[in-house]
Amino acid sequence: LTWRKIPGIDDEWLYKQFQLLSLHGQNKDALAK
């Protein structure tokens, strides 16, 4: 999934939401752990 710049929305915050949604809502992925 790609996205264009969304005014007022931080790209890193948005990417983090997809990480949470795709990994059980876990705030660290396996690599970070």
PDB file of all heavy atoms in Angstrom:
ATOM      1  N   LEU A   1       0.855  -1.185   0.000  1.00  0.00           N
ATOM      2  CA  LEU A   1       0.000   0.000   0.000  1.00  0.00           C
ATOM      3  C   LEU A   1       0.888   1.231   0.000  1.00  0.00           C
ATOM      4  O   LEU A   1       1.820   1.336   0.802  1.00  0.00           O
ATOM      5  CB  LEU A   1      -0.894   0.009   1.242  1.00  0.00           C
ATOM      6  CG  LEU A   1      -1.932   1.135   1.309  1.00  0.00           C
ATOM      7  CD1 LEU A   1      -3.119   0.807   0.394  1.00  0.00           C
ATOM      8  CD2 LEU A   1      -2.420   1.338   2.743  1.00  0.00           C
ATOM      9  N   THR A   2       0.617   2.151  -0.920  1.00  0.00           N
ATOM     10  CA  THR A   2       1.316   3.437  -0.949  1.00  0.00           C
ATOM     11  C   THR A   2       0.301   4.547  -0.707  1.00  0.00           C
ATOM     12  O   THR A   2      -0.898   4.350  -0.874  1.00  0.00           O
ATOM     13  CB  THR A   2       2.020   3.671  -2.299  1.00  0.00           C
ATOM     14  OG1 THR A   2       1.042   3.662  -3.355  1.00  0.00           O
ATOM     15  CG2 THR A   2       3.058   2.592  -2.569  1.00  0.00           C
ATOM     16  N   TRP A   3       0.798   5.725  -0.348  1.00  0.00           N
ATOM     17  CA  TRP A   3      -0.108   6.851  -0.137  1.00  0.00           C
ATOM     18  C   TRP A   3       0.587   8.157  -0.476  1.00  0.00           C
ATOM     19  O   TRP A   3       1.802   8.296  -0.376  1.00  0.00           O
ATOM     20  CB  TRP A   3      -0.638   6.887   1.300  1.00  0.00           C
ATOM     21  CG  TRP A   3       0.405   6.925   2.369  1.00  0.00           C
ATOM     22  CD1 TRP A   3       0.991   8.025   2.941  1.00  0.00           C
ATOM     23  CD2 TRP A   3       1.013   5.781   3.012  1.00  0.00           C
ATOM     24  NE1 TRP A   3       1.905   7.645   3.891  1.00  0.00           N
ATOM     25  CE2 TRP A   3       1.930   6.279   3.969  1.00  0.00           C
ATOM     26  CE3 TRP A   3       0.845   4.399   2.886  1.00  0.00           C
ATOM     27  CZ2 TRP A   3       2.695   5.430   4.763  1.00  0.00           C
ATOM     28  CZ3 TRP A   3       1.610   3.554   3.685  1.00  0.00           C
ATOM     29  CH2 TRP A   3       2.513   4.068   4.614  1.00  0.00           C
ATOM     30  N   ARG A   4      -0.225   9.095  -0.925  1.00  0.00           N
ATOM     31  CA  ARG A   4       0.261  10.448  -1.182  1.00  0.00           C
ATOM     32  C   ARG A   4       0.330  11.212   0.141  1.00  0.00           C
ATOM     33  O   ARG A   4      -0.216  10.782   1.150  1.00  0.00           O
ATOM     34  CB  ARG A   4      -0.672  11.176  -2.158  1.00  0.00           C
ATOM     35  CG  ARG A   4      -0.791  10.493  -3.502  1.00  0.00           C
ATOM     36  CD  ARG A   4      -1.426  11.401  -4.539  1.00  0.00           C
ATOM     37  NE  ARG A   4      -2.723  11.938  -4.134  1.00  0.00           N
ATOM     38  CZ  ARG A   4      -3.439  12.784  -4.860  1.00  0.00           C
ATOM     39  NH1 ARG A   4      -2.982  13.205  -6.022  1.00  0.00           N
ATOM     40  NH2 ARG A   4      -4.612  13.216  -4.433  1.00  0.00           N
ATOM     41  N   LYS A   5       0.989  12.345   0.111  1.00  0.00           N
ATOM     42  CA  LYS A   5       1.071  13.182   1.298  1.00  0.00           C
ATOM     43  C   LYS A   5      -0.327  13.647   1.692  1.00  0.00           C
ATOM     44  O   LYS A   5      -1.086  14.152   0.864  1.00  0.00           O
ATOM     45  CB  LYS A   5       1.971  14.391   1.039  1.00  0.00           C
ATOM     46  CG  LYS A   5       2.069  15.364   2.203  1.00  0.00           C
ATOM     47  CD  LYS A   5       2.651  14.712   3.442  1.00  0.00           C
ATOM     48  CE  LYS A   5       2.706  15.667   4.629  1.00  0.00           C
ATOM     49  NZ  LYS A   5       3.097  14.983   5.883  1.00  0.00           N
ATOM     50  N   ILE A   6      -0.657  13.458   2.974  1.00  0.00           N
ATOM     51  CA  ILE A   6      -1.958  13.870   3.502  1.00  0.00           C
ATOM     52  C   ILE A   6      -1.730  15.082   4.398  1.00  0.00           C
ATOM     53  O   ILE A   6      -1.030  14.984   5.413  1.00  0.00           O
ATOM     54  CB  ILE A   6      -2.612  12.739   4.312  1.00  0.00           C
ATOM     55  CG1 ILE A   6      -2.693  11.460   3.474  1.00  0.00           C
ATOM     56  CG2 ILE A   6      -3.999  13.167   4.795  1.00  0.00           C
ATOM     57  CD1 ILE A   6      -3.055  10.236   4.281  1.00  0.00           C
ATOM     58  N   PRO A   7      -2.274  16.236   4.037  1.00  0.00           N
ATOM     59  CA  PRO A   7      -2.051  17.442   4.837  1.00  0.00           C
ATOM     60  C   PRO A   7      -2.432  17.237   6.308  1.00  0.00           C
ATOM     61  O   PRO A   7      -3.520  16.749   6.626  1.00  0.00           O
ATOM     62  CB  PRO A   7      -2.983  18.474   4.177  1.00  0.00           C
ATOM     63  CG  PRO A   7      -3.147  17.981   2.772  1.00  0.00           C
ATOM     64  CD  PRO A   7      -3.138  16.493   2.868  1.00  0.00           C
ATOM     65  N   GLY A   8      -1.488  17.555   7.193  1.00  0.00           N
ATOM     66  CA  GLY A   8      -1.776  17.466   8.622  1.00  0.00           C
ATOM     67  C   GLY A   8      -1.564  16.086   9.229  1.00  0.00           C
ATOM     68  O   GLY A   8      -1.708  15.909  10.447  1.00  0.00           O
ATOM     69  N   ILE A   9      -1.221  15.097   8.400  1.00  0.00           N
ATOM     70  CA  ILE A   9      -1.001  13.732   8.894  1.00  0.00           C
ATOM     71  C   ILE A   9       0.461  13.352   8.709  1.00  0.00           C
ATOM     72  O   ILE A   9       1.002  13.440   7.614  1.00  0.00           O
ATOM     73  CB  ILE A   9      -1.902  12.714   8.161  1.00  0.00           C
ATOM     74  CG1 ILE A   9      -3.376  13.058   8.364  1.00  0.00           C
ATOM     75  CG2 ILE A   9      -1.591  11.297   8.629  1.00  0.00           C
ATOM     76  CD1 ILE A   9      -3.854  12.970   9.811  1.00  0.00           C
ATOM     77  N   ASP A  10       1.092  12.947   9.795  1.00  0.00           N
ATOM     78  CA  ASP A  10       2.504  12.565   9.767  1.00  0.00           C
ATOM     79  C   ASP A  10       2.665  11.186   9.134  1.00  0.00           C
ATOM     80  O   ASP A  10       1.994  10.223   9.534  1.00  0.00           O
ATOM     81  CB  ASP A  10       3.046  12.554  11.198  1.00  0.00           C
ATOM     82  CG  ASP A  10       4.511  12.153  11.248  1.00  0.00           C
ATOM     83  OD1 ASP A  10       5.353  12.917  10.761  1.00  0.00           O
ATOM     84  OD2 ASP A  10       4.784  11.040  11.747  1.00  0.00           O
ATOM     85  N   ASP A  11       3.544  11.072   8.145  1.00  0.00           N
ATOM     86  CA  ASP A  11       3.748   9.802   7.446  1.00  0.00           C
ATOM     87  C   ASP A  11       4.196   8.691   8.395  1.00  0.00           C
ATOM     88  O   ASP A  11       3.757   7.534   8.269  1.00  0.00           O
ATOM     89  CB  ASP A  11       4.782   9.957   6.330  1.00  0.00           C
ATOM     90  CG  ASP A  11       4.218  10.657   5.098  1.00  0.00           C
ATOM     91  OD1 ASP A  11       3.094  10.329   4.689  1.00  0.00           O
ATOM     92  OD2 ASP A  11       4.915  11.527   4.555  1.00  0.00           O
ATOM     93  N   GLU A  12       5.083   9.020   9.337  1.00  0.00           N
ATOM     94  CA  GLU A  12       5.571   8.000  10.260  1.00  0.00           C
ATOM     95  C   GLU A  12       4.466   7.521  11.194  1.00  0.00           C
ATOM     96  O   GLU A  12       4.392   6.335  11.539  1.00  0.00           O
ATOM     97  CB  GLU A  12       6.766   8.531  11.051  1.00  0.00           C
ATOM     98  CG  GLU A  12       8.010   8.747  10.209  1.00  0.00           C
ATOM     99  CD  GLU A  12       8.463   7.475   9.504  1.00  0.00           C
ATOM    100  OE1 GLU A  12       8.712   6.461  10.189  1.00  0.00           O
ATOM    101  OE2 GLU A  12       8.546   7.488   8.261  1.00  0.00           O
ATOM    102  N   TRP A  13       3.608   8.435  11.617  1.00  0.00           N
ATOM    103  CA  TRP A  13       2.460   8.040  12.440  1.00  0.00           C
ATOM    104  C   TRP A  13       1.548   7.099  11.659  1.00  0.00           C
ATOM    105  O   TRP A  13       1.097   6.079  12.190  1.00  0.00           O
ATOM    106  CB  TRP A  13       1.676   9.276  12.878  1.00  0.00           C
ATOM    107  CG  TRP A  13       0.408   8.934  13.612  1.00  0.00           C
ATOM    108  CD1 TRP A  13       0.270   8.689  14.953  1.00  0.00           C
ATOM    109  CD2 TRP A  13      -0.893   8.763  13.038  1.00  0.00           C
ATOM    110  NE1 TRP A  13      -1.039   8.367  15.249  1.00  0.00           N
ATOM    111  CE2 TRP A  13      -1.777   8.405  14.092  1.00  0.00           C
ATOM    112  CE3 TRP A  13      -1.404   8.879  11.747  1.00  0.00           C
ATOM    113  CZ2 TRP A  13      -3.142   8.166  13.878  1.00  0.00           C
ATOM    114  CZ3 TRP A  13      -2.758   8.633  11.530  1.00  0.00           C
ATOM    115  CH2 TRP A  13      -3.616   8.289  12.584  1.00  0.00           C
ATOM    116  N   LEU A  14       1.324   7.435  10.392  1.00  0.00           N
ATOM    117  CA  LEU A  14       0.449   6.620   9.555  1.00  0.00           C
ATOM    118  C   LEU A  14       1.044   5.227   9.356  1.00  0.00           C
ATOM    119  O   LEU A  14       0.346   4.208   9.467  1.00  0.00           O
ATOM    120  CB  LEU A  14       0.222   7.313   8.212  1.00  0.00           C
ATOM    121  CG  LEU A  14      -0.744   6.653   7.231  1.00  0.00           C
ATOM    122  CD1 LEU A  14      -2.108   6.413   7.870  1.00  0.00           C
ATOM    123  CD2 LEU A  14      -0.890   7.523   5.974  1.00  0.00           C
ATOM    124  N   TYR A  15       2.338   5.181   9.074  1.00  0.00           N
ATOM    125  CA  TYR A  15       3.018   3.897   8.899  1.00  0.00           C
ATOM    126  C   TYR A  15       2.904   3.059  10.177  1.00  0.00           C
ATOM    127  O   TYR A  15       2.669   1.844  10.113  1.00  0.00           O
ATOM    128  CB  TYR A  15       4.487   4.142   8.557  1.00  0.00           C
ATOM    129  CG  TYR A  15       5.303   2.884   8.348  1.00  0.00           C
ATOM    130  CD1 TYR A  15       5.192   2.144   7.174  1.00  0.00           C
ATOM    131  CD2 TYR A  15       6.201   2.445   9.325  1.00  0.00           C
ATOM    132  CE1 TYR A  15       5.955   0.991   6.975  1.00  0.00           C
ATOM    133  CE2 TYR A  15       6.968   1.296   9.135  1.00  0.00           C
ATOM    134  CZ  TYR A  15       6.832   0.578   7.965  1.00  0.00           C
ATOM    135  OH  TYR A  15       7.577  -0.558   7.773  1.00  0.00           O
ATOM    136  N   LYS A  16       3.025   3.702  11.315  1.00  0.00           N
ATOM    137  CA  LYS A  16       2.914   3.003  12.596  1.00  0.00           C
ATOM    138  C   LYS A  16       1.530   2.389  12.765  1.00  0.00           C
ATOM    139  O   LYS A  16       1.392   1.282  13.306  1.00  0.00           O
ATOM    140  CB  LYS A  16       3.211   3.969  13.746  1.00  0.00           C
ATOM    141  CG  LYS A  16       3.140   3.336  15.133  1.00  0.00           C
ATOM    142  CD  LYS A  16       4.213   2.289  15.332  1.00  0.00           C
ATOM    143  CE  LYS A  16       4.218   1.761  16.753  1.00  0.00           C
ATOM    144  NZ  LYS A  16       5.239   0.703  16.956  1.00  0.00           N
ATOM    145  N   GLN A  17       0.497   3.079  12.285  1.00  0.00           N
ATOM    146  CA  GLN A  17      -0.865   2.532  12.395  1.00  0.00           C
ATOM    147  C   GLN A  17      -0.989   1.235  11.605  1.00  0.00           C
ATOM    148  O   GLN A  17      -1.629   0.274  12.049  1.00  0.00           O
ATOM    149  CB  GLN A  17      -1.900   3.556  11.904  1.00  0.00           C
ATOM    150  CG  GLN A  17      -1.873   4.894  12.618  1.00  0.00           C
ATOM    151  CD  GLN A  17      -1.761   4.755  14.120  1.00  0.00           C
ATOM    152  OE1 GLN A  17      -2.617   4.150  14.783  1.00  0.00           O
ATOM    153  NE2 GLN A  17      -0.699   5.318  14.676  1.00  0.00           N
ATOM    154  N   PHE A  18      -0.377   1.196  10.419  1.00  0.00           N
ATOM    155  CA  PHE A  18      -0.420  -0.026   9.625  1.00  0.00           C
ATOM    156  C   PHE A  18       0.373  -1.153  10.293  1.00  0.00           C
ATOM    157  O   PHE A  18      -0.015  -2.328  10.214  1.00  0.00           O
ATOM    158  CB  PHE A  18       0.097   0.231   8.210  1.00  0.00           C
ATOM    159  CG  PHE A  18      -0.845   1.048   7.373  1.00  0.00           C
ATOM    160  CD1 PHE A  18      -0.476   2.288   6.888  1.00  0.00           C
ATOM    161  CD2 PHE A  18      -2.116   0.579   7.074  1.00  0.00           C
ATOM    162  CE1 PHE A  18      -1.342   3.047   6.126  1.00  0.00           C
ATOM    163  CE2 PHE A  18      -3.002   1.330   6.311  1.00  0.00           C
ATOM    164  CZ  PHE A  18      -2.611   2.565   5.833  1.00  0.00           C
ATOM    165  N   GLN A  19       1.479  -0.798  10.951  1.00  0.00           N
ATOM    166  CA  GLN A  19       2.245  -1.803  11.677  1.00  0.00           C
ATOM    167  C   GLN A  19       1.427  -2.394  12.823  1.00  0.00           C
ATOM    168  O   GLN A  19       1.407  -3.617  13.036  1.00  0.00           O
ATOM    169  CB  GLN A  19       3.540  -1.185  12.226  1.00  0.00           C
ATOM    170  CG  GLN A  19       4.501  -0.690  11.165  1.00  0.00           C
ATOM    171  CD  GLN A  19       4.967  -1.814  10.255  1.00  0.00           C
ATOM    172  OE1 GLN A  19       5.692  -2.703  10.671  1.00  0.00           O
ATOM    173  NE2 GLN A  19       4.543  -1.773   8.999  1.00  0.00           N
ATOM    174  N   LEU A  20       0.736  -1.529  13.544  1.00  0.00           N
ATOM    175  CA  LEU A  20      -0.102  -2.001  14.649  1.00  0.00           C
ATOM    176  C   LEU A  20      -1.241  -2.884  14.139  1.00  0.00           C
ATOM    177  O   LEU A  20      -1.505  -3.957  14.691  1.00  0.00           O
ATOM    178  CB  LEU A  20      -0.672  -0.806  15.420  1.00  0.00           C
ATOM    179  CG  LEU A  20       0.326   0.027  16.231  1.00  0.00           C
ATOM    180  CD1 LEU A  20      -0.335   1.300  16.726  1.00  0.00           C
ATOM    181  CD2 LEU A  20       0.872  -0.784  17.411  1.00  0.00           C
ATOM    182  N   LEU A  21      -1.905  -2.430  13.100  1.00  0.00           N
ATOM    183  CA  LEU A  21      -3.045  -3.171  12.568  1.00  0.00           C
ATOM    184  C   LEU A  21      -2.651  -4.544  12.038  1.00  0.00           C
ATOM    185  O   LEU A  21      -3.445  -5.492  12.106  1.00  0.00           O
ATOM    186  CB  LEU A  21      -3.718  -2.362  11.453  1.00  0.00           C
ATOM    187  CG  LEU A  21      -4.658  -1.241  11.899  1.00  0.00           C
ATOM    188  CD1 LEU A  21      -4.899  -0.264  10.757  1.00  0.00           C
ATOM    189  CD2 LEU A  21      -5.976  -1.813  12.406  1.00  0.00           C
ATOM    190  N   SER A  22      -1.439  -4.653  11.527  1.00  0.00           N
ATOM    191  CA  SER A  22      -1.020  -5.903  10.886  1.00  0.00           C
ATOM    192  C   SER A  22      -0.274  -6.848  11.817  1.00  0.00           C
ATOM    193  O   SER A  22       0.042  -7.972  11.444  1.00  0.00           O
ATOM    194  CB  SER A  22      -0.138  -5.598   9.668  1.00  0.00           C
ATOM    195  OG  SER A  22       1.068  -4.956  10.056  1.00  0.00           O
ATOM    196  N   LEU A  23       0.009  -6.406  13.064  1.00  0.00           N
ATOM    197  CA  LEU A  23       0.778  -7.232  14.009  1.00  0.00           C
ATOM    198  C   LEU A  23       0.089  -7.304  15.369  1.00  0.00           C
ATOM    199  O   LEU A  23       0.695  -7.048  16.408  1.00  0.00           O
ATOM    200  CB  LEU A  23       2.198  -6.679  14.163  1.00  0.00           C
ATOM    201  CG  LEU A  23       3.149  -6.951  12.991  1.00  0.00           C
ATOM    202  CD1 LEU A  23       4.384  -6.082  13.087  1.00  0.00           C
ATOM    203  CD2 LEU A  23       3.541  -8.433  12.959  1.00  0.00           C
ATOM    204  N   HIS A  24      -1.206  -7.629  15.351  1.00  0.00           N
ATOM    205  CA  HIS A  24      -1.965  -7.864  16.584  1.00  0.00           C
ATOM    206  C   HIS A  24      -2.112  -6.634  17.475  1.00  0.00           C
ATOM    207  O   HIS A  24      -2.490  -6.777  18.648  1.00  0.00           O
ATOM    208  CB  HIS A  24      -1.314  -8.973  17.422  1.00  0.00           C
ATOM    209  CG  HIS A  24      -1.366 -10.327  16.797  1.00  0.00           C
ATOM    210  ND1 HIS A  24      -2.540 -10.950  16.441  1.00  0.00           N
ATOM    211  CD2 HIS A  24      -0.372 -11.198  16.457  1.00  0.00           C
ATOM    212  CE1 HIS A  24      -2.280 -12.142  15.932  1.00  0.00           C
ATOM    213  NE2 HIS A  24      -0.970 -12.316  15.911  1.00  0.00           N
ATOM    214  N   GLY A  25      -1.781  -5.445  16.966  1.00  0.00           N
ATOM    215  CA  GLY A  25      -1.805  -4.273  17.838  1.00  0.00           C
ATOM    216  C   GLY A  25      -0.602  -4.199  18.749  1.00  0.00           C
ATOM    217  O   GLY A  25      -0.575  -3.416  19.710  1.00  0.00           O
ATOM    218  N   GLN A  26       0.427  -4.980  18.443  1.00  0.00           N
ATOM    219  CA  GLN A  26       1.655  -5.016  19.252  1.00  0.00           C
ATOM    220  C   GLN A  26       2.539  -3.832  18.894  1.00  0.00           C
ATOM    221  O   GLN A  26       2.789  -3.562  17.725  1.00  0.00           O
ATOM    222  CB  GLN A  26       2.377  -6.331  18.981  1.00  0.00           C
ATOM    223  CG  GLN A  26       3.607  -6.575  19.817  1.00  0.00           C
ATOM    224  CD  GLN A  26       4.148  -7.974  19.601  1.00  0.00           C
ATOM    225  OE1 GLN A  26       3.493  -8.962  19.918  1.00  0.00           O
ATOM    226  NE2 GLN A  26       5.340  -8.062  19.029  1.00  0.00           N
ATOM    227  N   ASN A  27       3.025  -3.128  19.901  1.00  0.00           N
ATOM    228  CA  ASN A  27       3.764  -1.883  19.637  1.00  0.00           C
ATOM    229  C   ASN A  27       5.242  -2.092  19.321  1.00  0.00           C
ATOM    230  O   ASN A  27       5.980  -1.129  19.122  1.00  0.00           O
ATOM    231  CB  ASN A  27       3.607  -0.900  20.798  1.00  0.00           C
ATOM    232  CG  ASN A  27       4.305  -1.360  22.067  1.00  0.00           C
ATOM    233  OD1 ASN A  27       4.683  -2.531  22.205  1.00  0.00           O
ATOM    234  ND2 ASN A  27       4.472  -0.442  23.013  1.00  0.00           N
ATOM    235  N   LYS A  28       5.694  -3.352  19.268  1.00  0.00           N
ATOM    236  CA  LYS A  28       7.048  -3.670  18.817  1.00  0.00           C
ATOM    237  C   LYS A  28       6.956  -4.857  17.869  1.00  0.00           C
ATOM    238  O   LYS A  28       6.288  -5.848  18.180  1.00  0.00           O
ATOM    239  CB  LYS A  28       7.961  -4.049  19.985  1.00  0.00           C
ATOM    240  CG  LYS A  28       8.422  -2.894  20.855  1.00  0.00           C
ATOM    241  CD  LYS A  28       9.401  -3.408  21.904  1.00  0.00           C
ATOM    242  CE  LYS A  28       9.869  -2.290  22.813  1.00  0.00           C
ATOM    243  NZ  LYS A  28      10.807  -2.790  23.858  1.00  0.00           N
ATOM    244  N   ASP A  29       7.640  -4.757  16.731  1.00  0.00           N
ATOM    245  CA  ASP A  29       7.664  -5.934  15.863  1.00  0.00           C
ATOM    246  C   ASP A  29       8.744  -6.897  16.357  1.00  0.00           C
ATOM    247  O   ASP A  29       9.500  -6.605  17.286  1.00  0.00           O
ATOM    248  CB  ASP A  29       7.867  -5.555  14.396  1.00  0.00           C
ATOM    249  CG  ASP A  29       9.199  -4.870  14.107  1.00  0.00           C
ATOM    250  OD1 ASP A  29      10.148  -5.036  14.900  1.00  0.00           O
ATOM    251  OD2 ASP A  29       9.292  -4.180  13.070  1.00  0.00           O
ATOM    252  N   ALA A  30       8.802  -8.072  15.724  1.00  0.00           N
ATOM    253  CA  ALA A  30       9.725  -9.114  16.190  1.00  0.00           C
ATOM    254  C   ALA A  30      11.174  -8.657  16.133  1.00  0.00           C
ATOM    255  O   ALA A  30      11.990  -9.014  16.999  1.00  0.00           O
ATOM    256  CB  ALA A  30       9.531 -10.373  15.350  1.00  0.00           C
ATOM    257  N   LEU A  31      11.521  -7.861  15.115  1.00  0.00           N
ATOM    258  CA  LEU A  31      12.897  -7.398  14.976  1.00  0.00           C
ATOM    259  C   LEU A  31      13.285  -6.483  16.124  1.00  0.00           C
ATOM    260  O   LEU A  31      14.379  -6.590  16.698  1.00  0.00           O
ATOM    261  CB  LEU A  31      13.069  -6.687  13.634  1.00  0.00           C
ATOM    262  CG  LEU A  31      14.489  -6.289  13.245  1.00  0.00           C
ATOM    263  CD1 LEU A  31      15.373  -7.524  13.106  1.00  0.00           C
ATOM    264  CD2 LEU A  31      14.478  -5.509  11.926  1.00  0.00           C
ATOM    265  N   ALA A  32      12.382  -5.572  16.496  1.00  0.00           N
ATOM    266  CA  ALA A  32      12.666  -4.643  17.590  1.00  0.00           C
ATOM    267  C   ALA A  32      12.826  -5.380  18.916  1.00  0.00           C
ATOM    268  O   ALA A  32      13.640  -4.997  19.760  1.00  0.00           O
ATOM    269  CB  ALA A  32      11.552  -3.610  17.697  1.00  0.00           C
ATOM    270  N   LYS A  33      12.079  -6.466  19.084  1.00  0.00           N
ATOM    271  CA  LYS A  33      12.138  -7.227  20.340  1.00  0.00           C
ATOM    272  C   LYS A  33      13.433  -8.028  20.492  1.00  0.00           C
ATOM    273  O   LYS A  33      13.729  -8.525  21.576  1.00  0.00           O
ATOM    274  CB  LYS A  33      10.935  -8.176  20.433  1.00  0.00           C
ATOM    275  CG  LYS A  33       9.622  -7.469  20.726  1.00  0.00           C
ATOM    276  CD  LYS A  33       8.447  -8.411  20.510  1.00  0.00           C
ATOM    277  CE  LYS A  33       8.534  -9.627  21.419  1.00  0.00           C
ATOM    278  NZ  LYS A  33       7.426 -10.578  21.164  1.00  0.00           N
TER     279      LYS A  33
END
